[in-house]
Amino acid sequence: MSLNLETLEKSIKALEKSINIYYSYKEDENKDLIETISSGVIQNFEIAYENSWKLIARWLDENISADTSHKTTKKGLFRLAGEYFLIDDVGIWIEFHNARNNTSY
């Protein structure tokens, strides 16, 4: 069964767009503008991250075992995703996970 990637693709495009806008304005003297754009980048990162790990979990549940994602942590999901060649670099995904946790606080 193939998974619908449309939501993930849209969230990644939104993240890329917000990053490009941030780089266009990062030297602007209006610090409120920069802070607002930065907040948008963070929010788009959070959305792309959430869509990513949920898609990984869904794939593992559908292709490995129906409750695979419920038996492990997100870091465990990334390790499994690496074992099944869904992601290339488990370490960077763990960094994404840590960054996501830091944005919540």
PDB file of N, CA and C in Angstrom:
ATOM      1  N   MET A   1       0.844  -1.184   0.000  1.00  0.00           N
ATOM      2  CA  MET A   1       0.000   0.000   0.000  1.00  0.00           C
ATOM      3  C   MET A   1       0.885   1.241   0.000  1.00  0.00           C
ATOM      4  N   SER A   2       0.634   2.156  -0.919  1.00  0.00           N
ATOM      5  CA  SER A   2       1.428   3.381  -0.977  1.00  0.00           C
ATOM      6  C   SER A   2       0.796   4.446  -0.081  1.00  0.00           C
ATOM      7  N   LEU A   3       1.660   5.269   0.475  1.00  0.00           N
ATOM      8  CA  LEU A   3       1.204   6.334   1.359  1.00  0.00           C
ATOM      9  C   LEU A   3       1.076   7.636   0.582  1.00  0.00           C
ATOM     10  N   ASN A   4       0.125   8.450   0.976  1.00  0.00           N
ATOM     11  CA  ASN A   4      -0.071   9.759   0.362  1.00  0.00           C
ATOM     12  C   ASN A   4       0.957  10.731   0.947  1.00  0.00           C
ATOM     13  N   LEU A   5       1.819  11.238   0.096  1.00  0.00           N
ATOM     14  CA  LEU A   5       2.892  12.146   0.525  1.00  0.00           C
ATOM     15  C   LEU A   5       2.554  13.614   0.344  1.00  0.00           C
ATOM     16  N   GLU A   6       1.360  13.916  -0.126  1.00  0.00           N
ATOM     17  CA  GLU A   6       0.995  15.285  -0.478  1.00  0.00           C
ATOM     18  C   GLU A   6       1.144  16.260   0.697  1.00  0.00           C
ATOM     19  N   THR A   7       0.657  15.887   1.857  1.00  0.00           N
ATOM     20  CA  THR A   7       0.740  16.769   3.017  1.00  0.00           C
ATOM     21  C   THR A   7       2.191  17.012   3.410  1.00  0.00           C
ATOM     22  N   LEU A   8       2.993  15.964   3.389  1.00  0.00           N
ATOM     23  CA  LEU A   8       4.411  16.105   3.703  1.00  0.00           C
ATOM     24  C   LEU A   8       5.097  17.017   2.695  1.00  0.00           C
ATOM     25  N   GLU A   9       4.836  16.811   1.427  1.00  0.00           N
ATOM     26  CA  GLU A   9       5.449  17.641   0.391  1.00  0.00           C
ATOM     27  C   GLU A   9       5.073  19.102   0.565  1.00  0.00           C
ATOM     28  N   LYS A  10       3.806  19.375   0.875  1.00  0.00           N
ATOM     29  CA  LYS A  10       3.361  20.756   1.087  1.00  0.00           C
ATOM     30  C   LYS A  10       4.051  21.377   2.302  1.00  0.00           C
ATOM     31  N   SER A  11       4.200  20.608   3.360  1.00  0.00           N
ATOM     32  CA  SER A  11       4.830  21.158   4.560  1.00  0.00           C
ATOM     33  C   SER A  11       6.317  21.431   4.332  1.00  0.00           C
ATOM     34  N   ILE A  12       6.978  20.600   3.545  1.00  0.00           N
ATOM     35  CA  ILE A  12       8.393  20.837   3.234  1.00  0.00           C
ATOM     36  C   ILE A  12       8.540  22.070   2.351  1.00  0.00           C
ATOM     37  N   LYS A  13       7.654  22.234   1.376  1.00  0.00           N
ATOM     38  CA  LYS A  13       7.701  23.429   0.525  1.00  0.00           C
ATOM     39  C   LYS A  13       7.458  24.693   1.340  1.00  0.00           C
ATOM     40  N   ALA A  14       6.529  24.639   2.293  1.00  0.00           N
ATOM     41  CA  ALA A  14       6.259  25.796   3.153  1.00  0.00           C
ATOM     42  C   ALA A  14       7.482  26.119   4.009  1.00  0.00           C
ATOM     43  N   LEU A  15       8.154  25.093   4.510  1.00  0.00           N
ATOM     44  CA  LEU A  15       9.374  25.301   5.292  1.00  0.00           C
ATOM     45  C   LEU A  15      10.466  25.931   4.433  1.00  0.00           C
ATOM     46  N   GLU A  16      10.676  25.387   3.246  1.00  0.00           N
ATOM     47  CA  GLU A  16      11.685  25.952   2.340  1.00  0.00           C
ATOM     48  C   GLU A  16      11.381  27.409   2.014  1.00  0.00           C
ATOM     49  N   LYS A  17      10.127  27.708   1.750  1.00  0.00           N
ATOM     50  CA  LYS A  17       9.727  29.074   1.431  1.00  0.00           C
ATOM     51  C   LYS A  17       9.990  30.010   2.607  1.00  0.00           C
ATOM     52  N   SER A  18       9.634  29.579   3.806  1.00  0.00           N
ATOM     53  CA  SER A  18       9.842  30.444   4.970  1.00  0.00           C
ATOM     54  C   SER A  18      11.330  30.649   5.248  1.00  0.00           C
ATOM     55  N   ILE A  19      12.150  29.628   5.023  1.00  0.00           N
ATOM     56  CA  ILE A  19      13.599  29.771   5.201  1.00  0.00           C
ATOM     57  C   ILE A  19      14.149  30.775   4.198  1.00  0.00           C
ATOM     58  N   ASN A  20      13.713  30.681   2.939  1.00  0.00           N
ATOM     59  CA  ASN A  20      14.170  31.622   1.917  1.00  0.00           C
ATOM     60  C   ASN A  20      13.772  33.054   2.259  1.00  0.00           C
ATOM     61  N   ILE A  21      12.573  33.229   2.766  1.00  0.00           N
ATOM     62  CA  ILE A  21      12.124  34.568   3.163  1.00  0.00           C
ATOM     63  C   ILE A  21      12.962  35.068   4.333  1.00  0.00           C
ATOM     64  N   TYR A  22      13.230  34.200   5.287  1.00  0.00           N
ATOM     65  CA  TYR A  22      14.067  34.590   6.425  1.00  0.00           C
ATOM     66  C   TYR A  22      15.425  35.098   5.937  1.00  0.00           C
ATOM     67  N   TYR A  23      16.068  34.353   5.032  1.00  0.00           N
ATOM     68  CA  TYR A  23      17.370  34.772   4.530  1.00  0.00           C
ATOM     69  C   TYR A  23      17.297  36.073   3.733  1.00  0.00           C
ATOM     70  N   SER A  24      16.163  36.335   3.121  1.00  0.00           N
ATOM     71  CA  SER A  24      15.993  37.590   2.380  1.00  0.00           C
ATOM     72  C   SER A  24      15.911  38.794   3.309  1.00  0.00           C
ATOM     73  N   TYR A  25      15.400  38.583   4.514  1.00  0.00           N
ATOM     74  CA  TYR A  25      15.152  39.698   5.437  1.00  0.00           C
ATOM     75  C   TYR A  25      16.005  39.668   6.703  1.00  0.00           C
ATOM     76  N   LYS A  26      16.886  38.706   6.863  1.00  0.00           N
ATOM     77  CA  LYS A  26      17.578  38.537   8.138  1.00  0.00           C
ATOM     78  C   LYS A  26      18.439  39.729   8.548  1.00  0.00           C
ATOM     79  N   GLU A  27      18.839  40.546   7.597  1.00  0.00           N
ATOM     80  CA  GLU A  27      19.652  41.731   7.910  1.00  0.00           C
ATOM     81  C   GLU A  27      18.804  42.992   8.081  1.00  0.00           C
ATOM     82  N   ASP A  28      17.495  42.851   7.956  1.00  0.00           N
ATOM     83  CA  ASP A  28      16.591  43.989   8.096  1.00  0.00           C
ATOM     84  C   ASP A  28      16.713  44.561   9.512  1.00  0.00           C
ATOM     85  N   GLU A  29      16.586  45.869   9.609  1.00  0.00           N
ATOM     86  CA  GLU A  29      16.703  46.530  10.909  1.00  0.00           C
ATOM     87  C   GLU A  29      15.451  46.365  11.765  1.00  0.00           C
ATOM     88  N   ASN A  30      14.360  45.969  11.167  1.00  0.00           N
ATOM     89  CA  ASN A  30      13.109  45.779  11.901  1.00  0.00           C
ATOM     90  C   ASN A  30      13.157  44.414  12.609  1.00  0.00           C
ATOM     91  N   LYS A  31      13.562  44.446  13.868  1.00  0.00           N
ATOM     92  CA  LYS A  31      13.733  43.208  14.636  1.00  0.00           C
ATOM     93  C   LYS A  31      12.410  42.473  14.855  1.00  0.00           C
ATOM     94  N   ASP A  32      11.296  43.215  14.928  1.00  0.00           N
ATOM     95  CA  ASP A  32       9.996  42.565  15.066  1.00  0.00           C
ATOM     96  C   ASP A  32       9.669  41.744  13.825  1.00  0.00           C
ATOM     97  N   LEU A  33      10.022  42.281  12.660  1.00  0.00           N
ATOM     98  CA  LEU A  33       9.807  41.549  11.409  1.00  0.00           C
ATOM     99  C   LEU A  33      10.627  40.265  11.400  1.00  0.00           C
ATOM    100  N   ILE A  34      11.896  40.358  11.771  1.00  0.00           N
ATOM    101  CA  ILE A  34      12.781  39.194  11.783  1.00  0.00           C
ATOM    102  C   ILE A  34      12.266  38.149  12.774  1.00  0.00           C
ATOM    103  N   GLU A  35      11.808  38.602  13.935  1.00  0.00           N
ATOM    104  CA  GLU A  35      11.281  37.676  14.936  1.00  0.00           C
ATOM    105  C   GLU A  35      10.021  36.975  14.438  1.00  0.00           C
ATOM    106  N   THR A  36       9.172  37.715  13.754  1.00  0.00           N
ATOM    107  CA  THR A  36       7.945  37.128  13.207  1.00  0.00           C
ATOM    108  C   THR A  36       8.262  36.107  12.124  1.00  0.00           C
ATOM    109  N   ILE A  37       9.185  36.443  11.247  1.00  0.00           N
ATOM    110  CA  ILE A  37       9.583  35.504  10.189  1.00  0.00           C
ATOM    111  C   ILE A  37      10.239  34.268  10.807  1.00  0.00           C
ATOM    112  N   SER A  38      11.086  34.476  11.795  1.00  0.00           N
ATOM    113  CA  SER A  38      11.744  33.364  12.473  1.00  0.00           C
ATOM    114  C   SER A  38      10.714  32.436  13.123  1.00  0.00           C
ATOM    115  N   SER A  39       9.699  33.009  13.719  1.00  0.00           N
ATOM    116  CA  SER A  39       8.634  32.204  14.322  1.00  0.00           C
ATOM    117  C   SER A  39       7.921  31.367  13.260  1.00  0.00           C
ATOM    118  N   GLY A  40       7.735  31.947  12.080  1.00  0.00           N
ATOM    119  CA  GLY A  40       7.120  31.208  10.981  1.00  0.00           C
ATOM    120  C   GLY A  40       7.981  30.040  10.526  1.00  0.00           C
ATOM    121  N   VAL A  41       9.294  30.253  10.482  1.00  0.00           N
ATOM    122  CA  VAL A  41      10.214  29.167  10.115  1.00  0.00           C
ATOM    123  C   VAL A  41      10.101  28.037  11.137  1.00  0.00           C
ATOM    124  N   ILE A  42      10.099  28.403  12.410  1.00  0.00           N
ATOM    125  CA  ILE A  42      10.000  27.390  13.469  1.00  0.00           C
ATOM    126  C   ILE A  42       8.697  26.626  13.360  1.00  0.00           C
ATOM    127  N   GLN A  43       7.606  27.325  13.151  1.00  0.00           N
ATOM    128  CA  GLN A  43       6.312  26.654  13.036  1.00  0.00           C
ATOM    129  C   GLN A  43       6.279  25.718  11.828  1.00  0.00           C
ATOM    130  N   ASN A  44       6.811  26.171  10.701  1.00  0.00           N
ATOM    131  CA  ASN A  44       6.843  25.322   9.506  1.00  0.00           C
ATOM    132  C   ASN A  44       7.751  24.113   9.708  1.00  0.00           C
ATOM    133  N   PHE A  45       8.854  24.289  10.446  1.00  0.00           N
ATOM    134  CA  PHE A  45       9.718  23.158  10.780  1.00  0.00           C
ATOM    135  C   PHE A  45       8.948  22.146  11.627  1.00  0.00           C
ATOM    136  N   GLU A  46       8.241  22.635  12.644  1.00  0.00           N
ATOM    137  CA  GLU A  46       7.474  21.740  13.516  1.00  0.00           C
ATOM    138  C   GLU A  46       6.446  20.932  12.725  1.00  0.00           C
ATOM    139  N   ILE A  47       5.767  21.579  11.798  1.00  0.00           N
ATOM    140  CA  ILE A  47       4.750  20.902  10.994  1.00  0.00           C
ATOM    141  C   ILE A  47       5.392  19.847  10.089  1.00  0.00           C
ATOM    142  N   ALA A  48       6.495  20.208   9.420  1.00  0.00           N
ATOM    143  CA  ALA A  48       7.178  19.252   8.538  1.00  0.00           C
ATOM    144  C   ALA A  48       7.711  18.070   9.344  1.00  0.00           C
ATOM    145  N   TYR A  49       8.252  18.347  10.523  1.00  0.00           N
ATOM    146  CA  TYR A  49       8.762  17.280  11.380  1.00  0.00           C
ATOM    147  C   TYR A  49       7.630  16.338  11.795  1.00  0.00           C
ATOM    148  N   GLU A  50       6.528  16.902  12.253  1.00  0.00           N
ATOM    149  CA  GLU A  50       5.386  16.077  12.688  1.00  0.00           C
ATOM    150  C   GLU A  50       4.861  15.220  11.532  1.00  0.00           C
ATOM    151  N   ASN A  51       4.705  15.828  10.365  1.00  0.00           N
ATOM    152  CA  ASN A  51       4.245  15.067   9.202  1.00  0.00           C
ATOM    153  C   ASN A  51       5.220  13.947   8.846  1.00  0.00           C
ATOM    154  N   SER A  52       6.517  14.218   8.989  1.00  0.00           N
ATOM    155  CA  SER A  52       7.542  13.227   8.654  1.00  0.00           C
ATOM    156  C   SER A  52       7.485  12.019   9.566  1.00  0.00           C
ATOM    157  N   TRP A  53       7.512  12.248  10.875  1.00  0.00           N
ATOM    158  CA  TRP A  53       7.562  11.087  11.762  1.00  0.00           C
ATOM    159  C   TRP A  53       6.253  10.306  11.728  1.00  0.00           C
ATOM    160  N   LYS A  54       5.134  10.999  11.522  1.00  0.00           N
ATOM    161  CA  LYS A  54       3.861  10.286  11.435  1.00  0.00           C
ATOM    162  C   LYS A  54       3.805   9.408  10.182  1.00  0.00           C
ATOM    163  N   LEU A  55       4.370   9.899   9.091  1.00  0.00           N
ATOM    164  CA  LEU A  55       4.416   9.105   7.871  1.00  0.00           C
ATOM    165  C   LEU A  55       5.335   7.897   8.044  1.00  0.00           C
ATOM    166  N   ILE A  56       6.468   8.102   8.706  1.00  0.00           N
ATOM    167  CA  ILE A  56       7.373   6.990   9.004  1.00  0.00           C
ATOM    168  C   ILE A  56       6.652   5.945   9.844  1.00  0.00           C
ATOM    169  N   ALA A  57       5.957   6.395  10.880  1.00  0.00           N
ATOM    170  CA  ALA A  57       5.227   5.475  11.764  1.00  0.00           C
ATOM    171  C   ALA A  57       4.169   4.706  10.980  1.00  0.00           C
ATOM    172  N   ARG A  58       3.444   5.403  10.117  1.00  0.00           N
ATOM    173  CA  ARG A  58       2.403   4.749   9.322  1.00  0.00           C
ATOM    174  C   ARG A  58       3.012   3.685   8.403  1.00  0.00           C
ATOM    175  N   TRP A  59       4.131   4.014   7.769  1.00  0.00           N
ATOM    176  CA  TRP A  59       4.783   3.052   6.877  1.00  0.00           C
ATOM    177  C   TRP A  59       5.212   1.815   7.661  1.00  0.00           C
ATOM    178  N   LEU A  60       5.836   2.028   8.818  1.00  0.00           N
ATOM    179  CA  LEU A  60       6.284   0.898   9.628  1.00  0.00           C
ATOM    180  C   LEU A  60       5.109   0.042  10.084  1.00  0.00           C
ATOM    181  N   ASP A  61       4.022   0.689  10.495  1.00  0.00           N
ATOM    182  CA  ASP A  61       2.835  -0.060  10.921  1.00  0.00           C
ATOM    183  C   ASP A  61       2.242  -0.877   9.781  1.00  0.00           C
ATOM    184  N   GLU A  62       2.245  -0.325   8.585  1.00  0.00           N
ATOM    185  CA  GLU A  62       1.649  -1.014   7.439  1.00  0.00           C
ATOM    186  C   GLU A  62       2.555  -2.078   6.834  1.00  0.00           C
ATOM    187  N   ASN A  63       3.860  -1.915   6.990  1.00  0.00           N
ATOM    188  CA  ASN A  63       4.786  -2.808   6.306  1.00  0.00           C
ATOM    189  C   ASN A  63       5.568  -3.742   7.215  1.00  0.00           C
ATOM    190  N   ILE A  64       5.634  -3.447   8.486  1.00  0.00           N
ATOM    191  CA  ILE A  64       6.381  -4.298   9.417  1.00  0.00           C
ATOM    192  C   ILE A  64       5.413  -5.023  10.349  1.00  0.00           C
ATOM    193  N   SER A  65       4.701  -4.249  11.149  1.00  0.00           N
ATOM    194  CA  SER A  65       3.736  -4.816  12.084  1.00  0.00           C
ATOM    195  C   SER A  65       2.745  -3.713  12.449  1.00  0.00           C
ATOM    196  N   ALA A  66       1.508  -4.083  12.644  1.00  0.00           N
ATOM    197  CA  ALA A  66       0.443  -3.099  12.865  1.00  0.00           C
ATOM    198  C   ALA A  66       0.676  -2.201  14.077  1.00  0.00           C
ATOM    199  N   ASP A  67       1.477  -2.635  15.018  1.00  0.00           N
ATOM    200  CA  ASP A  67       1.685  -1.812  16.206  1.00  0.00           C
ATOM    201  C   ASP A  67       3.150  -1.440  16.428  1.00  0.00           C
ATOM    202  N   THR A  68       3.947  -1.488  15.387  1.00  0.00           N
ATOM    203  CA  THR A  68       5.370  -1.164  15.493  1.00  0.00           C
ATOM    204  C   THR A  68       5.585   0.222  16.091  1.00  0.00           C
ATOM    205  N   SER A  69       4.878   1.211  15.605  1.00  0.00           N
ATOM    206  CA  SER A  69       5.111   2.582  16.052  1.00  0.00           C
ATOM    207  C   SER A  69       4.656   2.815  17.484  1.00  0.00           C
ATOM    208  N   HIS A  70       3.792   1.961  17.990  1.00  0.00           N
ATOM    209  CA  HIS A  70       3.283   2.136  19.348  1.00  0.00           C
ATOM    210  C   HIS A  70       4.207   1.518  20.395  1.00  0.00           C
ATOM    211  N   LYS A  71       5.177   0.757  19.930  1.00  0.00           N
ATOM    212  CA  LYS A  71       6.066   0.039  20.843  1.00  0.00           C
ATOM    213  C   LYS A  71       7.416   0.728  21.021  1.00  0.00           C
ATOM    214  N   THR A  72       7.591   1.885  20.435  1.00  0.00           N
ATOM    215  CA  THR A  72       8.902   2.519  20.484  1.00  0.00           C
ATOM    216  C   THR A  72       8.771   4.040  20.607  1.00  0.00           C
ATOM    217  N   THR A  73       9.889   4.661  20.904  1.00  0.00           N
ATOM    218  CA  THR A  73       9.959   6.121  20.968  1.00  0.00           C
ATOM    219  C   THR A  73      10.161   6.681  19.567  1.00  0.00           C
ATOM    220  N   LYS A  74      10.131   7.988  19.444  1.00  0.00           N
ATOM    221  CA  LYS A  74      10.395   8.591  18.132  1.00  0.00           C
ATOM    222  C   LYS A  74      11.827   8.293  17.693  1.00  0.00           C
ATOM    223  N   LYS A  75      12.761   8.339  18.625  1.00  0.00           N
ATOM    224  CA  LYS A  75      14.143   7.995  18.267  1.00  0.00           C
ATOM    225  C   LYS A  75      14.212   6.539  17.791  1.00  0.00           C
ATOM    226  N   GLY A  76      13.452   5.676  18.432  1.00  0.00           N
ATOM    227  CA  GLY A  76      13.380   4.286  17.995  1.00  0.00           C
ATOM    228  C   GLY A  76      12.780   4.161  16.604  1.00  0.00           C
ATOM    229  N   LEU A  77      11.768   4.992  16.330  1.00  0.00           N
ATOM    230  CA  LEU A  77      11.178   5.005  14.980  1.00  0.00           C
ATOM    231  C   LEU A  77      12.225   5.372  13.938  1.00  0.00           C
ATOM    232  N   PHE A  78      13.050   6.378  14.264  1.00  0.00           N
ATOM    233  CA  PHE A  78      14.069   6.804  13.305  1.00  0.00           C
ATOM    234  C   PHE A  78      15.109   5.707  13.095  1.00  0.00           C
ATOM    235  N   ARG A  79      15.446   4.994  14.160  1.00  0.00           N
ATOM    236  CA  ARG A  79      16.393   3.875  14.001  1.00  0.00           C
ATOM    237  C   ARG A  79      15.800   2.790  13.098  1.00  0.00           C
ATOM    238  N   LEU A  80      14.525   2.467  13.322  1.00  0.00           N
ATOM    239  CA  LEU A  80      13.852   1.489  12.463  1.00  0.00           C
ATOM    240  C   LEU A  80      13.768   1.988  11.023  1.00  0.00           C
ATOM    241  N   ALA A  81      13.465   3.262  10.871  1.00  0.00           N
ATOM    242  CA  ALA A  81      13.379   3.844   9.524  1.00  0.00           C
ATOM    243  C   ALA A  81      14.721   3.731   8.811  1.00  0.00           C
ATOM    244  N   GLY A  82      15.806   3.888   9.548  1.00  0.00           N
ATOM    245  CA  GLY A  82      17.135   3.704   8.972  1.00  0.00           C
ATOM    246  C   GLY A  82      17.376   2.257   8.565  1.00  0.00           C
ATOM    247  N   GLU A  83      16.943   1.325   9.412  1.00  0.00           N
ATOM    248  CA  GLU A  83      17.114  -0.098   9.107  1.00  0.00           C
ATOM    249  C   GLU A  83      16.352  -0.501   7.850  1.00  0.00           C
ATOM    250  N   TYR A  84      15.202   0.129   7.625  1.00  0.00           N
ATOM    251  CA  TYR A  84      14.373  -0.195   6.457  1.00  0.00           C
ATOM    252  C   TYR A  84      14.584   0.781   5.295  1.00  0.00           C
ATOM    253  N   PHE A  85      15.654   1.573   5.366  1.00  0.00           N
ATOM    254  CA  PHE A  85      16.074   2.468   4.293  1.00  0.00           C
ATOM    255  C   PHE A  85      15.041   3.547   3.949  1.00  0.00           C
ATOM    256  N   LEU A  86      14.252   3.955   4.940  1.00  0.00           N
ATOM    257  CA  LEU A  86      13.324   5.077   4.725  1.00  0.00           C
ATOM    258  C   LEU A  86      14.059   6.405   4.866  1.00  0.00           C
ATOM    259  N   ILE A  87      15.102   6.416   5.679  1.00  0.00           N
ATOM    260  CA  ILE A  87      15.942   7.598   5.855  1.00  0.00           C
ATOM    261  C   ILE A  87      17.400   7.173   5.747  1.00  0.00           C
ATOM    262  N   ASP A  88      18.244   8.098   5.337  1.00  0.00           N
ATOM    263  CA  ASP A  88      19.662   7.794   5.161  1.00  0.00           C
ATOM    264  C   ASP A  88      20.483   8.027   6.424  1.00  0.00           C
ATOM    265  N   ASP A  89      20.140   9.070   7.172  1.00  0.00           N
ATOM    266  CA  ASP A  89      20.965   9.500   8.292  1.00  0.00           C
ATOM    267  C   ASP A  89      20.129   9.564   9.564  1.00  0.00           C
ATOM    268  N   VAL A  90      20.198   8.517  10.357  1.00  0.00           N
ATOM    269  CA  VAL A  90      19.420   8.455  11.598  1.00  0.00           C
ATOM    270  C   VAL A  90      19.834   9.582  12.533  1.00  0.00           C
ATOM    271  N   GLY A  91      21.124   9.879  12.588  1.00  0.00           N
ATOM    272  CA  GLY A  91      21.636  10.925  13.489  1.00  0.00           C
ATOM    273  C   GLY A  91      21.002  12.278  13.245  1.00  0.00           C
ATOM    274  N   ILE A  92      20.828  12.651  11.985  1.00  0.00           N
ATOM    275  CA  ILE A  92      20.226  13.963  11.685  1.00  0.00           C
ATOM    276  C   ILE A  92      18.763  13.985  12.100  1.00  0.00           C
ATOM    277  N   TRP A  93      18.079  12.849  11.982  1.00  0.00           N
ATOM    278  CA  TRP A  93      16.680  12.785  12.405  1.00  0.00           C
ATOM    279  C   TRP A  93      16.553  12.879  13.920  1.00  0.00           C
ATOM    280  N   ILE A  94      17.524  12.336  14.632  1.00  0.00           N
ATOM    281  CA  ILE A  94      17.526  12.498  16.088  1.00  0.00           C
ATOM    282  C   ILE A  94      17.800  13.964  16.435  1.00  0.00           C
ATOM    283  N   GLU A  95      18.660  14.618  15.662  1.00  0.00           N
ATOM    284  CA  GLU A  95      18.880  16.062  15.855  1.00  0.00           C
ATOM    285  C   GLU A  95      17.597  16.848  15.578  1.00  0.00           C
ATOM    286  N   PHE A  96      16.861  16.473  14.522  1.00  0.00           N
ATOM    287  CA  PHE A  96      15.574  17.121  14.247  1.00  0.00           C
ATOM    288  C   PHE A  96      14.630  16.943  15.436  1.00  0.00           C
ATOM    289  N   HIS A  97      14.621  15.736  15.991  1.00  0.00           N
ATOM    290  CA  HIS A  97      13.766  15.438  17.141  1.00  0.00           C
ATOM    291  C   HIS A  97      14.134  16.343  18.323  1.00  0.00           C
ATOM    292  N   ASN A  98      15.432  16.445  18.593  1.00  0.00           N
ATOM    293  CA  ASN A  98      15.890  17.302  19.695  1.00  0.00           C
ATOM    294  C   ASN A  98      15.553  18.766  19.438  1.00  0.00           C
ATOM    295  N   ALA A  99      15.716  19.200  18.177  1.00  0.00           N
ATOM    296  CA  ALA A  99      15.389  20.584  17.827  1.00  0.00           C
ATOM    297  C   ALA A  99      13.889  20.835  18.016  1.00  0.00           C
ATOM    298  N   ARG A 100      13.080  19.876  17.625  1.00  0.00           N
ATOM    299  CA  ARG A 100      11.620  20.005  17.794  1.00  0.00           C
ATOM    300  C   ARG A 100      11.271  20.134  19.265  1.00  0.00           C
ATOM    301  N   ASN A 101      11.904  19.323  20.098  1.00  0.00           N
ATOM    302  CA  ASN A 101      11.652  19.416  21.538  1.00  0.00           C
ATOM    303  C   ASN A 101      12.070  20.781  22.081  1.00  0.00           C
ATOM    304  N   ASN A 102      13.181  21.308  21.571  1.00  0.00           N
ATOM    305  CA  ASN A 102      13.656  22.625  22.036  1.00  0.00           C
ATOM    306  C   ASN A 102      12.738  23.757  21.594  1.00  0.00           C
ATOM    307  N   THR A 103      12.091  23.629  20.441  1.00  0.00           N
ATOM    308  CA  THR A 103      11.200  24.701  19.973  1.00  0.00           C
ATOM    309  C   THR A 103       9.934  24.767  20.800  1.00  0.00           C
ATOM    310  N   SER A 104       9.606  23.682  21.478  1.00  0.00           N
ATOM    311  CA  SER A 104       8.399  23.656  22.301  1.00  0.00           C
ATOM    312  C   SER A 104       8.579  24.439  23.593  1.00  0.00           C
ATOM    313  N   TYR A 105       9.791  24.710  23.946  1.00  0.00           N
ATOM    314  CA  TYR A 105      10.062  25.390  25.199  1.00  0.00           C
ATOM    315  C   TYR A 105      10.661  26.716  24.913  1.00  0.00           C
TER     316      TYR A 105
END
